[in-house]
Amino acid sequence: QEKEFTELVAAHKSTIYSVCLMFSKDEDEVED
């Protein structure tokens, strides 16, 4: 399950970051 989850996140990492960037302009906050 951890392996599948890691692969899923890796495949959609840019999507997650895109969403986070729309909610904050601060790099540290985006990481949070």
Full PDB file with SEQRES, HELIX, SHEET, SSBOND, CRYST1, ORIGX, SCALE, CONECT and MASTER records, all heavy atoms in Angstrom:
SEQRES   1 A   32  GLN GLU LYS GLU PHE THR GLU LEU VAL ALA ALA HIS LYS          
SEQRES   2 A   32  SER THR ILE TYR SER VAL CYS LEU MET PHE SER LYS ASP          
SEQRES   3 A   32  GLU ASP GLU VAL GLU ASP                                      
HELIX    1 AA1 GLU A    2  ALA A   11  1                                  10    
HELIX    2 AA2 LYS A   13  PHE A   23  1                                  11    
HELIX    3 AA3 GLU A   27  GLU A   31  1                                   5    
CRYST1    1.000    1.000    1.000  90.00  90.00  90.00 P 1           1          
ORIGX1      1.000000  0.000000  0.000000        0.00000                         
ORIGX2      0.000000  1.000000  0.000000        0.00000                         
ORIGX3      0.000000  0.000000  1.000000        0.00000                         
SCALE1      1.000000  0.000000  0.000000        0.00000                         
SCALE2      0.000000  1.000000  0.000000        0.00000                         
SCALE3      0.000000  0.000000  1.000000        0.00000                         
ATOM      1  N   GLN A   1       0.833  -1.201   0.000  1.00  0.00           N  
ATOM      2  CA  GLN A   1       0.000   0.000   0.000  1.00  0.00           C  
ATOM      3  C   GLN A   1       0.875   1.261   0.000  1.00  0.00           C  
ATOM      4  O   GLN A   1       0.590   2.209  -0.725  1.00  0.00           O  
ATOM      5  CB  GLN A   1      -0.925  -0.006   1.218  1.00  0.00           C  
ATOM      6  CG  GLN A   1      -1.914   1.132   1.226  1.00  0.00           C  
ATOM      7  CD  GLN A   1      -2.848   1.088   2.430  1.00  0.00           C  
ATOM      8  OE1 GLN A   1      -2.588   0.371   3.396  1.00  0.00           O  
ATOM      9  NE2 GLN A   1      -3.905   1.852   2.368  1.00  0.00           N  
ATOM     10  N   GLU A   2       1.951   1.247   0.776  1.00  0.00           N  
ATOM     11  CA  GLU A   2       2.863   2.384   0.809  1.00  0.00           C  
ATOM     12  C   GLU A   2       3.524   2.592  -0.544  1.00  0.00           C  
ATOM     13  O   GLU A   2       3.672   3.734  -0.999  1.00  0.00           O  
ATOM     14  CB  GLU A   2       3.931   2.179   1.880  1.00  0.00           C  
ATOM     15  CG  GLU A   2       3.412   2.329   3.287  1.00  0.00           C  
ATOM     16  CD  GLU A   2       4.480   2.068   4.338  1.00  0.00           C  
ATOM     17  OE1 GLU A   2       5.690   2.157   4.019  1.00  0.00           O  
ATOM     18  OE2 GLU A   2       4.101   1.766   5.472  1.00  0.00           O  
ATOM     19  N   LYS A   3       3.899   1.512  -1.196  1.00  0.00           N  
ATOM     20  CA  LYS A   3       4.534   1.596  -2.514  1.00  0.00           C  
ATOM     21  C   LYS A   3       3.558   2.179  -3.542  1.00  0.00           C  
ATOM     22  O   LYS A   3       3.913   3.072  -4.326  1.00  0.00           O  
ATOM     23  CB  LYS A   3       5.003   0.208  -2.955  1.00  0.00           C  
ATOM     24  CG  LYS A   3       5.723   0.194  -4.288  1.00  0.00           C  
ATOM     25  CD  LYS A   3       6.215  -1.205  -4.628  1.00  0.00           C  
ATOM     26  CE  LYS A   3       7.036  -1.176  -5.899  1.00  0.00           C  
ATOM     27  NZ  LYS A   3       6.333  -1.670  -7.035  1.00  0.00           N  
ATOM     28  N   GLU A   4       2.318   1.699  -3.534  1.00  0.00           N  
ATOM     29  CA  GLU A   4       1.306   2.213  -4.459  1.00  0.00           C  
ATOM     30  C   GLU A   4       1.040   3.691  -4.202  1.00  0.00           C  
ATOM     31  O   GLU A   4       0.912   4.484  -5.135  1.00  0.00           O  
ATOM     32  CB  GLU A   4      -0.002   1.424  -4.313  1.00  0.00           C  
ATOM     33  CG  GLU A   4       0.071   0.010  -4.819  1.00  0.00           C  
ATOM     34  CD  GLU A   4      -1.177  -0.793  -4.468  1.00  0.00           C  
ATOM     35  OE1 GLU A   4      -2.136  -0.224  -3.890  1.00  0.00           O  
ATOM     36  OE2 GLU A   4      -1.189  -2.006  -4.755  1.00  0.00           O  
ATOM     37  N   PHE A   5       0.953   4.058  -2.929  1.00  0.00           N  
ATOM     38  CA  PHE A   5       0.704   5.448  -2.568  1.00  0.00           C  
ATOM     39  C   PHE A   5       1.849   6.334  -3.040  1.00  0.00           C  
ATOM     40  O   PHE A   5       1.618   7.406  -3.615  1.00  0.00           O  
ATOM     41  CB  PHE A   5       0.507   5.577  -1.051  1.00  0.00           C  
ATOM     42  CG  PHE A   5       0.272   6.991  -0.609  1.00  0.00           C  
ATOM     43  CD1 PHE A   5      -0.966   7.587  -0.789  1.00  0.00           C  
ATOM     44  CD2 PHE A   5       1.289   7.722  -0.013  1.00  0.00           C  
ATOM     45  CE1 PHE A   5      -1.195   8.898  -0.382  1.00  0.00           C  
ATOM     46  CE2 PHE A   5       1.071   9.034   0.391  1.00  0.00           C  
ATOM     47  CZ  PHE A   5      -0.165   9.623   0.208  1.00  0.00           C  
ATOM     48  N   THR A   6       3.071   5.905  -2.819  1.00  0.00           N  
ATOM     49  CA  THR A   6       4.240   6.669  -3.234  1.00  0.00           C  
ATOM     50  C   THR A   6       4.248   6.875  -4.743  1.00  0.00           C  
ATOM     51  O   THR A   6       4.533   7.970  -5.237  1.00  0.00           O  
ATOM     52  CB  THR A   6       5.541   5.954  -2.788  1.00  0.00           C  
ATOM     53  OG1 THR A   6       5.501   5.807  -1.367  1.00  0.00           O  
ATOM     54  CG2 THR A   6       6.772   6.731  -3.195  1.00  0.00           C  
ATOM     55  N   GLU A   7       3.912   5.838  -5.501  1.00  0.00           N  
ATOM     56  CA  GLU A   7       3.848   5.946  -6.961  1.00  0.00           C  
ATOM     57  C   GLU A   7       2.741   6.905  -7.395  1.00  0.00           C  
ATOM     58  O   GLU A   7       2.922   7.696  -8.326  1.00  0.00           O  
ATOM     59  CB  GLU A   7       3.634   4.570  -7.591  1.00  0.00           C  
ATOM     60  CG  GLU A   7       4.839   3.666  -7.460  1.00  0.00           C  
ATOM     61  CD  GLU A   7       4.560   2.216  -7.875  1.00  0.00           C  
ATOM     62  OE1 GLU A   7       3.408   1.900  -8.273  1.00  0.00           O  
ATOM     63  OE2 GLU A   7       5.503   1.409  -7.807  1.00  0.00           O  
ATOM     64  N   LEU A   8       1.597   6.830  -6.725  1.00  0.00           N  
ATOM     65  CA  LEU A   8       0.477   7.707  -7.038  1.00  0.00           C  
ATOM     66  C   LEU A   8       0.863   9.169  -6.798  1.00  0.00           C  
ATOM     67  O   LEU A   8       0.614  10.039  -7.638  1.00  0.00           O  
ATOM     68  CB  LEU A   8      -0.749   7.332  -6.199  1.00  0.00           C  
ATOM     69  CG  LEU A   8      -2.013   8.143  -6.443  1.00  0.00           C  
ATOM     70  CD1 LEU A   8      -2.574   7.847  -7.827  1.00  0.00           C  
ATOM     71  CD2 LEU A   8      -3.053   7.825  -5.380  1.00  0.00           C  
ATOM     72  N   VAL A   9       1.480   9.438  -5.667  1.00  0.00           N  
ATOM     73  CA  VAL A   9       1.895  10.805  -5.339  1.00  0.00           C  
ATOM     74  C   VAL A   9       2.948  11.290  -6.336  1.00  0.00           C  
ATOM     75  O   VAL A   9       2.878  12.433  -6.809  1.00  0.00           O  
ATOM     76  CB  VAL A   9       2.417  10.897  -3.891  1.00  0.00           C  
ATOM     77  CG1 VAL A   9       3.126  12.218  -3.636  1.00  0.00           C  
ATOM     78  CG2 VAL A   9       1.268  10.713  -2.901  1.00  0.00           C  
ATOM     79  N   ALA A  10       3.888  10.451  -6.675  1.00  0.00           N  
ATOM     80  CA  ALA A  10       4.926  10.840  -7.633  1.00  0.00           C  
ATOM     81  C   ALA A  10       4.309  11.197  -8.986  1.00  0.00           C  
ATOM     82  O   ALA A  10       4.736  12.157  -9.641  1.00  0.00           O  
ATOM     83  CB  ALA A  10       5.950   9.719  -7.786  1.00  0.00           C  
ATOM     84  N   ALA A  11       3.306  10.452  -9.396  1.00  0.00           N  
ATOM     85  CA  ALA A  11       2.659  10.694 -10.686  1.00  0.00           C  
ATOM     86  C   ALA A  11       1.840  11.981 -10.685  1.00  0.00           C  
ATOM     87  O   ALA A  11       1.618  12.573 -11.745  1.00  0.00           O  
ATOM     88  CB  ALA A  11       1.773   9.508 -11.058  1.00  0.00           C  
ATOM     89  N   HIS A  12       1.391  12.412  -9.515  1.00  0.00           N  
ATOM     90  CA  HIS A  12       0.498  13.580  -9.435  1.00  0.00           C  
ATOM     91  C   HIS A  12       1.077  14.714  -8.590  1.00  0.00           C  
ATOM     92  O   HIS A  12       0.338  15.594  -8.152  1.00  0.00           O  
ATOM     93  CB  HIS A  12      -0.859  13.147  -8.875  1.00  0.00           C  
ATOM     94  CG  HIS A  12      -1.557  12.168  -9.765  1.00  0.00           C  
ATOM     95  ND1 HIS A  12      -2.216  12.532 -10.903  1.00  0.00           N  
ATOM     96  CD2 HIS A  12      -1.660  10.813  -9.687  1.00  0.00           C  
ATOM     97  CE1 HIS A  12      -2.713  11.460 -11.493  1.00  0.00           C  
ATOM     98  NE2 HIS A  12      -2.381  10.406 -10.771  1.00  0.00           N  
ATOM     99  N   LYS A  13       2.382  14.689  -8.394  1.00  0.00           N  
ATOM    100  CA  LYS A  13       3.040  15.694  -7.562  1.00  0.00           C  
ATOM    101  C   LYS A  13       2.801  17.114  -8.093  1.00  0.00           C  
ATOM    102  O   LYS A  13       2.518  18.029  -7.322  1.00  0.00           O  
ATOM    103  CB  LYS A  13       4.541  15.391  -7.515  1.00  0.00           C  
ATOM    104  CG  LYS A  13       5.333  16.296  -6.622  1.00  0.00           C  
ATOM    105  CD  LYS A  13       6.789  15.856  -6.611  1.00  0.00           C  
ATOM    106  CE  LYS A  13       7.599  16.714  -5.663  1.00  0.00           C  
ATOM    107  NZ  LYS A  13       8.991  16.294  -5.610  1.00  0.00           N  
ATOM    108  N   SER A  14       2.870  17.296  -9.401  1.00  0.00           N  
ATOM    109  CA  SER A  14       2.688  18.639  -9.962  1.00  0.00           C  
ATOM    110  C   SER A  14       1.263  19.146  -9.741  1.00  0.00           C  
ATOM    111  O   SER A  14       1.044  20.335  -9.536  1.00  0.00           O  
ATOM    112  CB  SER A  14       3.049  18.667 -11.440  1.00  0.00           C  
ATOM    113  OG  SER A  14       2.177  17.849 -12.180  1.00  0.00           O  
ATOM    114  N   THR A  15       0.287  18.250  -9.768  1.00  0.00           N  
ATOM    115  CA  THR A  15      -1.097  18.635  -9.499  1.00  0.00           C  
ATOM    116  C   THR A  15      -1.222  19.154  -8.072  1.00  0.00           C  
ATOM    117  O   THR A  15      -1.828  20.208  -7.827  1.00  0.00           O  
ATOM    118  CB  THR A  15      -2.038  17.435  -9.696  1.00  0.00           C  
ATOM    119  OG1 THR A  15      -2.004  17.035 -11.055  1.00  0.00           O  
ATOM    120  CG2 THR A  15      -3.454  17.762  -9.291  1.00  0.00           C  
ATOM    121  N   ILE A  16      -0.662  18.438  -7.134  1.00  0.00           N  
ATOM    122  CA  ILE A  16      -0.741  18.828  -5.729  1.00  0.00           C  
ATOM    123  C   ILE A  16      -0.066  20.185  -5.523  1.00  0.00           C  
ATOM    124  O   ILE A  16      -0.620  21.074  -4.878  1.00  0.00           O  
ATOM    125  CB  ILE A  16      -0.113  17.750  -4.815  1.00  0.00           C  
ATOM    126  CG1 ILE A  16      -0.856  16.419  -4.982  1.00  0.00           C  
ATOM    127  CG2 ILE A  16      -0.124  18.203  -3.355  1.00  0.00           C  
ATOM    128  CD1 ILE A  16      -0.139  15.224  -4.371  1.00  0.00           C  
ATOM    129  N   TYR A  17       1.124  20.362  -6.111  1.00  0.00           N  
ATOM    130  CA  TYR A  17       1.822  21.643  -5.981  1.00  0.00           C  
ATOM    131  C   TYR A  17       1.033  22.771  -6.635  1.00  0.00           C  
ATOM    132  O   TYR A  17       0.984  23.884  -6.116  1.00  0.00           O  
ATOM    133  CB  TYR A  17       3.226  21.573  -6.583  1.00  0.00           C  
ATOM    134  CG  TYR A  17       4.274  21.230  -5.560  1.00  0.00           C  
ATOM    135  CD1 TYR A  17       4.973  20.039  -5.624  1.00  0.00           C  
ATOM    136  CD2 TYR A  17       4.577  22.098  -4.510  1.00  0.00           C  
ATOM    137  CE1 TYR A  17       5.927  19.711  -4.678  1.00  0.00           C  
ATOM    138  CE2 TYR A  17       5.528  21.783  -3.567  1.00  0.00           C  
ATOM    139  CZ  TYR A  17       6.199  20.592  -3.656  1.00  0.00           C  
ATOM    140  OH  TYR A  17       7.145  20.285  -2.712  1.00  0.00           O  
ATOM    141  N   SER A  18       0.416  22.509  -7.770  1.00  0.00           N  
ATOM    142  CA  SER A  18      -0.384  23.545  -8.438  1.00  0.00           C  
ATOM    143  C   SER A  18      -1.491  24.043  -7.525  1.00  0.00           C  
ATOM    144  O   SER A  18      -1.733  25.243  -7.417  1.00  0.00           O  
ATOM    145  CB  SER A  18      -1.001  23.012  -9.734  1.00  0.00           C  
ATOM    146  OG  SER A  18      -0.015  22.714 -10.668  1.00  0.00           O  
ATOM    147  N   VAL A  19      -2.161  23.116  -6.883  1.00  0.00           N  
ATOM    148  CA  VAL A  19      -3.233  23.505  -5.959  1.00  0.00           C  
ATOM    149  C   VAL A  19      -2.662  24.307  -4.802  1.00  0.00           C  
ATOM    150  O   VAL A  19      -3.177  25.375  -4.452  1.00  0.00           O  
ATOM    151  CB  VAL A  19      -4.004  22.269  -5.446  1.00  0.00           C  
ATOM    152  CG1 VAL A  19      -4.999  22.670  -4.368  1.00  0.00           C  
ATOM    153  CG2 VAL A  19      -4.713  21.562  -6.594  1.00  0.00           C  
ATOM    154  N   CYS A  20      -1.591  23.820  -4.218  1.00  0.00           N  
ATOM    155  CA  CYS A  20      -0.988  24.510  -3.072  1.00  0.00           C  
ATOM    156  C   CYS A  20      -0.526  25.925  -3.441  1.00  0.00           C  
ATOM    157  O   CYS A  20      -0.695  26.864  -2.652  1.00  0.00           O  
ATOM    158  CB  CYS A  20       0.186  23.704  -2.515  1.00  0.00           C  
ATOM    159  SG  CYS A  20      -0.299  22.108  -1.813  1.00  0.00           S  
ATOM    160  N   LEU A  21       0.020  26.081  -4.634  1.00  0.00           N  
ATOM    161  CA  LEU A  21       0.487  27.398  -5.069  1.00  0.00           C  
ATOM    162  C   LEU A  21      -0.652  28.387  -5.263  1.00  0.00           C  
ATOM    163  O   LEU A  21      -0.449  29.595  -5.164  1.00  0.00           O  
ATOM    164  CB  LEU A  21       1.283  27.274  -6.370  1.00  0.00           C  
ATOM    165  CG  LEU A  21       2.687  26.716  -6.220  1.00  0.00           C  
ATOM    166  CD1 LEU A  21       3.282  26.369  -7.579  1.00  0.00           C  
ATOM    167  CD2 LEU A  21       3.583  27.713  -5.489  1.00  0.00           C  
ATOM    168  N   MET A  22      -1.840  27.892  -5.529  1.00  0.00           N  
ATOM    169  CA  MET A  22      -2.990  28.787  -5.668  1.00  0.00           C  
ATOM    170  C   MET A  22      -3.484  29.290  -4.311  1.00  0.00           C  
ATOM    171  O   MET A  22      -4.248  30.235  -4.245  1.00  0.00           O  
ATOM    172  CB  MET A  22      -4.137  28.098  -6.401  1.00  0.00           C  
ATOM    173  CG  MET A  22      -3.888  27.913  -7.872  1.00  0.00           C  
ATOM    174  SD  MET A  22      -3.538  29.458  -8.751  1.00  0.00           S  
ATOM    175  CE  MET A  22      -5.108  30.285  -8.629  1.00  0.00           C  
ATOM    176  N   PHE A  23      -3.033  28.673  -3.231  1.00  0.00           N  
ATOM    177  CA  PHE A  23      -3.503  29.061  -1.911  1.00  0.00           C  
ATOM    178  C   PHE A  23      -2.449  29.772  -1.083  1.00  0.00           C  
ATOM    179  O   PHE A  23      -2.739  30.222   0.022  1.00  0.00           O  
ATOM    180  CB  PHE A  23      -4.050  27.845  -1.160  1.00  0.00           C  
ATOM    181  CG  PHE A  23      -5.386  27.425  -1.692  1.00  0.00           C  
ATOM    182  CD1 PHE A  23      -5.471  26.536  -2.739  1.00  0.00           C  
ATOM    183  CD2 PHE A  23      -6.553  27.962  -1.175  1.00  0.00           C  
ATOM    184  CE1 PHE A  23      -6.701  26.171  -3.271  1.00  0.00           C  
ATOM    185  CE2 PHE A  23      -7.784  27.607  -1.698  1.00  0.00           C  
ATOM    186  CZ  PHE A  23      -7.859  26.706  -2.740  1.00  0.00           C  
ATOM    187  N   SER A  24      -1.253  29.867  -1.597  1.00  0.00           N  
ATOM    188  CA  SER A  24      -0.217  30.592  -0.872  1.00  0.00           C  
ATOM    189  C   SER A  24       0.868  31.034  -1.842  1.00  0.00           C  
ATOM    190  O   SER A  24       1.131  30.367  -2.841  1.00  0.00           O  
ATOM    191  CB  SER A  24       0.401  29.732   0.217  1.00  0.00           C  
ATOM    192  OG  SER A  24       1.406  30.469   0.890  1.00  0.00           O  
ATOM    193  N   LYS A  25       1.502  32.144  -1.493  1.00  0.00           N  
ATOM    194  CA  LYS A  25       2.612  32.653  -2.292  1.00  0.00           C  
ATOM    195  C   LYS A  25       3.935  32.441  -1.566  1.00  0.00           C  
ATOM    196  O   LYS A  25       4.987  32.674  -2.123  1.00  0.00           O  
ATOM    197  CB  LYS A  25       2.403  34.134  -2.581  1.00  0.00           C  
ATOM    198  CG  LYS A  25       1.196  34.403  -3.421  1.00  0.00           C  
ATOM    199  CD  LYS A  25       0.995  35.886  -3.577  1.00  0.00           C  
ATOM    200  CE  LYS A  25      -0.216  36.144  -4.416  1.00  0.00           C  
ATOM    201  NZ  LYS A  25      -1.300  36.767  -3.728  1.00  0.00           N  
ATOM    202  N   ASP A  26       3.860  32.014  -0.332  1.00  0.00           N  
ATOM    203  CA  ASP A  26       5.036  31.814   0.488  1.00  0.00           C  
ATOM    204  C   ASP A  26       5.549  30.385   0.305  1.00  0.00           C  
ATOM    205  O   ASP A  26       4.794  29.431   0.481  1.00  0.00           O  
ATOM    206  CB  ASP A  26       4.685  32.076   1.960  1.00  0.00           C  
ATOM    207  CG  ASP A  26       5.863  31.861   2.878  1.00  0.00           C  
ATOM    208  OD1 ASP A  26       6.792  32.677   2.824  1.00  0.00           O  
ATOM    209  OD2 ASP A  26       5.843  30.861   3.626  1.00  0.00           O  
ATOM    210  N   GLU A  27       6.823  30.252  -0.051  1.00  0.00           N  
ATOM    211  CA  GLU A  27       7.395  28.930  -0.339  1.00  0.00           C  
ATOM    212  C   GLU A  27       7.265  27.959   0.834  1.00  0.00           C  
ATOM    213  O   GLU A  27       6.921  26.791   0.645  1.00  0.00           O  
ATOM    214  CB  GLU A  27       8.870  29.060  -0.735  1.00  0.00           C  
ATOM    215  CG  GLU A  27       9.074  29.691  -2.099  1.00  0.00           C  
ATOM    216  CD  GLU A  27      10.539  29.845  -2.440  1.00  0.00           C  
ATOM    217  OE1 GLU A  27      11.312  28.888  -2.214  1.00  0.00           O  
ATOM    218  OE2 GLU A  27      10.911  30.917  -2.925  1.00  0.00           O  
ATOM    219  N   ASP A  28       7.544  28.439   2.045  1.00  0.00           N  
ATOM    220  CA  ASP A  28       7.446  27.569   3.215  1.00  0.00           C  
ATOM    221  C   ASP A  28       6.006  27.125   3.448  1.00  0.00           C  
ATOM    222  O   ASP A  28       5.746  25.975   3.796  1.00  0.00           O  
ATOM    223  CB  ASP A  28       7.983  28.273   4.467  1.00  0.00           C  
ATOM    224  CG  ASP A  28       9.489  28.490   4.414  1.00  0.00           C  
ATOM    225  OD1 ASP A  28      10.173  27.701   3.723  1.00  0.00           O  
ATOM    226  OD2 ASP A  28       9.974  29.440   5.048  1.00  0.00           O  
ATOM    227  N   GLU A  29       5.080  28.049   3.254  1.00  0.00           N  
ATOM    228  CA  GLU A  29       3.676  27.721   3.448  1.00  0.00           C  
ATOM    229  C   GLU A  29       3.192  26.725   2.390  1.00  0.00           C  
ATOM    230  O   GLU A  29       2.396  25.839   2.688  1.00  0.00           O  
ATOM    231  CB  GLU A  29       2.838  28.995   3.412  1.00  0.00           C  
ATOM    232  CG  GLU A  29       1.446  28.790   3.953  1.00  0.00           C  
ATOM    233  CD  GLU A  29       0.729  30.108   4.131  1.00  0.00           C  
ATOM    234  OE1 GLU A  29       0.455  30.785   3.121  1.00  0.00           O  
ATOM    235  OE2 GLU A  29       0.452  30.456   5.289  1.00  0.00           O  
ATOM    236  N   VAL A  30       3.691  26.874   1.163  1.00  0.00           N  
ATOM    237  CA  VAL A  30       3.341  25.915   0.102  1.00  0.00           C  
ATOM    238  C   VAL A  30       3.824  24.526   0.489  1.00  0.00           C  
ATOM    239  O   VAL A  30       3.105  23.540   0.327  1.00  0.00           O  
ATOM    240  CB  VAL A  30       3.919  26.357  -1.268  1.00  0.00           C  
ATOM    241  CG1 VAL A  30       3.805  25.244  -2.307  1.00  0.00           C  
ATOM    242  CG2 VAL A  30       3.209  27.610  -1.770  1.00  0.00           C  
ATOM    243  N   GLU A  31       5.021  24.452   1.029  1.00  0.00           N  
ATOM    244  CA  GLU A  31       5.551  23.160   1.474  1.00  0.00           C  
ATOM    245  C   GLU A  31       4.691  22.577   2.591  1.00  0.00           C  
ATOM    246  O   GLU A  31       4.415  21.377   2.615  1.00  0.00           O  
ATOM    247  CB  GLU A  31       7.005  23.296   1.939  1.00  0.00           C  
ATOM    248  CG  GLU A  31       7.989  23.570   0.819  1.00  0.00           C  
ATOM    249  CD  GLU A  31       8.084  22.438  -0.193  1.00  0.00           C  
ATOM    250  OE1 GLU A  31       7.976  21.252   0.188  1.00  0.00           O  
ATOM    251  OE2 GLU A  31       8.256  22.749  -1.386  1.00  0.00           O  
ATOM    252  N   ASP A  32       4.264  23.437   3.514  1.00  0.00           N  
ATOM    253  CA  ASP A  32       3.386  22.983   4.603  1.00  0.00           C  
ATOM    254  C   ASP A  32       2.051  22.486   4.047  1.00  0.00           C  
ATOM    255  O   ASP A  32       1.540  21.446   4.484  1.00  0.00           O  
ATOM    256  CB  ASP A  32       3.135  24.105   5.611  1.00  0.00           C  
ATOM    257  CG  ASP A  32       4.366  24.438   6.440  1.00  0.00           C  
ATOM    258  OD1 ASP A  32       5.319  23.615   6.454  1.00  0.00           O  
ATOM    259  OD2 ASP A  32       4.380  25.511   7.062  1.00  0.00           O  
TER     260      ASP A  32                                                      
MASTER        0    0    0    3    0    0    0    6  259    1    0    3          
END                                                                             
